[in-house]
Amino acid sequence: MADSDQGKSAEPQINLGQIVGKDHKYELSVSNETAEDAAVRRSKAIADAELSRKMTYALFCFALFIVAIIFVGCVYTFATGAADDKKWAAGIVSAIASGLVGFLVGQGKK
């Protein structure tokens, strides 16, 4: 037991408060990543983000195209169709319009 107590007291201790003055700013970084690895990681993250943006844009354009086709078809049906056809066409046009308004109002909260 006495040997283990001596081993602890024999270890050198460093007081960082005495070494570092008030005017010095130091940054401690512990990483196994080299500069080349960090550059590769950053370029991969940039490529992934760009691909994600392109995919989101393509999906948005596709959805907008499909909704536009449905909207035009419903407006045409509403203008030229029978009374029963006009009922469901008006409901779909109303749903598309309210969804668009909800989307635009939601965009203002960001």
Protein backbone atom coordinates (compact mmCIF):
# COMPACT_ATOMS: atom_id res chain seq x y z
CA MET A 1 0.00 0.00 0.00
CA ALA A 2 2.85 2.36 0.76
CA ASP A 3 4.37 1.63 -2.65
CA SER A 4 1.20 2.62 -4.48
CA ASP A 5 0.94 5.86 -2.47
CA GLN A 6 4.51 6.74 -3.38
CA GLY A 7 3.84 6.02 -7.05
CA LYS A 8 0.97 8.50 -7.10
CA SER A 9 2.89 11.28 -5.40
CA ALA A 10 5.97 10.68 -7.57
CA GLU A 11 4.03 11.39 -10.80
CA PRO A 12 4.71 14.89 -12.10
CA GLN A 13 1.69 17.15 -12.11
CA ILE A 14 1.25 20.19 -14.30
CA ASN A 15 -0.82 23.16 -13.25
CA LEU A 16 -2.17 24.64 -16.48
CA GLY A 17 -3.20 27.81 -14.66
CA GLN A 18 0.44 28.64 -14.02
CA ILE A 19 1.55 27.89 -17.59
CA VAL A 20 -1.21 29.69 -19.44
CA GLY A 21 -1.45 33.40 -18.92
CA LYS A 22 -4.60 35.48 -19.22
CA ASP A 23 -3.61 36.86 -22.63
CA HIS A 24 -3.07 33.47 -24.29
CA LYS A 25 -5.73 31.40 -26.01
CA TYR A 26 -5.03 27.76 -26.69
CA GLU A 27 -7.13 25.18 -28.45
CA LEU A 28 -6.91 21.50 -27.65
CA SER A 29 -7.79 19.16 -30.46
CA VAL A 30 -7.71 15.40 -30.17
CA SER A 31 -8.20 13.69 -33.49
CA ASN A 32 -6.71 10.83 -35.44
CA GLU A 33 -7.82 12.49 -38.67
CA THR A 34 -5.09 13.79 -40.93
CA ALA A 35 -5.46 16.90 -43.06
CA GLU A 36 -5.95 14.74 -46.17
CA ASP A 37 -8.65 12.68 -44.44
CA ALA A 38 -10.43 15.86 -43.36
CA ALA A 39 -10.31 17.24 -46.91
CA VAL A 40 -11.76 14.00 -48.30
CA ARG A 41 -14.47 13.98 -45.63
CA ARG A 42 -15.42 17.59 -46.39
CA SER A 43 -15.50 17.02 -50.16
CA LYS A 44 -17.66 13.91 -49.66
CA ALA A 45 -20.05 15.88 -47.44
CA ILE A 46 -20.26 18.64 -50.06
CA ALA A 47 -20.98 16.09 -52.82
CA ASP A 48 -23.63 14.36 -50.69
CA ALA A 49 -25.32 17.68 -49.92
CA GLU A 50 -25.31 18.66 -53.61
CA LEU A 51 -26.82 15.31 -54.62
CA SER A 52 -29.47 15.67 -51.93
CA ARG A 53 -30.39 19.15 -53.19
CA LYS A 54 -30.62 17.89 -56.80
CA MET A 55 -32.82 14.96 -55.78
CA THR A 56 -35.10 17.21 -53.73
CA TYR A 57 -35.40 19.67 -56.62
CA ALA A 58 -36.17 16.87 -59.12
CA LEU A 59 -38.82 15.43 -56.82
CA PHE A 60 -40.35 18.88 -56.30
CA CYS A 61 -40.49 19.51 -60.06
CA PHE A 62 -42.04 16.09 -60.68
CA ALA A 63 -44.69 16.63 -58.00
CA LEU A 64 -45.43 20.11 -59.34
CA PHE A 65 -45.82 18.71 -62.86
CA ILE A 66 -48.23 15.98 -61.72
CA VAL A 67 -50.30 18.41 -59.64
CA ALA A 68 -50.44 20.83 -62.59
CA ILE A 69 -51.72 18.08 -64.88
CA ILE A 70 -54.39 17.08 -62.36
CA PHE A 71 -55.35 20.74 -61.84
CA VAL A 72 -55.71 21.40 -65.57
CA GLY A 73 -57.71 18.19 -66.03
CA CYS A 74 -60.06 19.11 -63.19
CA VAL A 75 -60.54 22.66 -64.48
CA TYR A 76 -61.31 21.27 -67.95
CA THR A 77 -63.76 18.76 -66.45
CA PHE A 78 -65.35 21.53 -64.38
CA ALA A 79 -65.80 23.67 -67.49
CA THR A 80 -67.12 20.98 -69.84
CA GLY A 81 -68.33 18.06 -67.73
CA ALA A 82 -71.68 16.97 -66.37
CA ALA A 83 -73.02 18.09 -62.99
CA ASP A 84 -71.66 15.04 -61.12
CA ASP A 85 -68.25 15.48 -62.73
CA LYS A 86 -68.19 19.14 -61.74
CA LYS A 87 -68.74 18.20 -58.09
CA TRP A 88 -65.63 16.07 -57.73
CA ALA A 89 -63.57 18.34 -60.00
CA ALA A 90 -64.43 21.36 -57.83
CA GLY A 91 -63.43 19.42 -54.70
CA ILE A 92 -60.04 18.50 -56.14
CA VAL A 93 -59.37 22.05 -57.39
CA SER A 94 -60.33 23.35 -53.95
CA ALA A 95 -58.00 20.87 -52.23
CA ILE A 96 -55.09 21.81 -54.51
CA ALA A 97 -55.69 25.52 -53.94
CA SER A 98 -55.93 25.15 -50.15
CA GLY A 99 -52.80 22.99 -50.11
CA LEU A 100 -50.93 25.65 -52.06
CA VAL A 101 -52.08 28.38 -49.67
CA GLY A 102 -51.08 26.24 -46.67
CA PHE A 103 -47.65 25.62 -48.20
CA LEU A 104 -47.08 29.31 -48.87
CA VAL A 105 -48.21 30.33 -45.37
CA GLY A 106 -45.93 27.68 -43.85
CA GLN A 107 -42.96 29.03 -45.83
CA GLY A 108 -43.30 32.41 -44.10
CA LYS A 109 -42.64 30.85 -40.65
CA LYS A 110 -39.08 29.76 -41.43
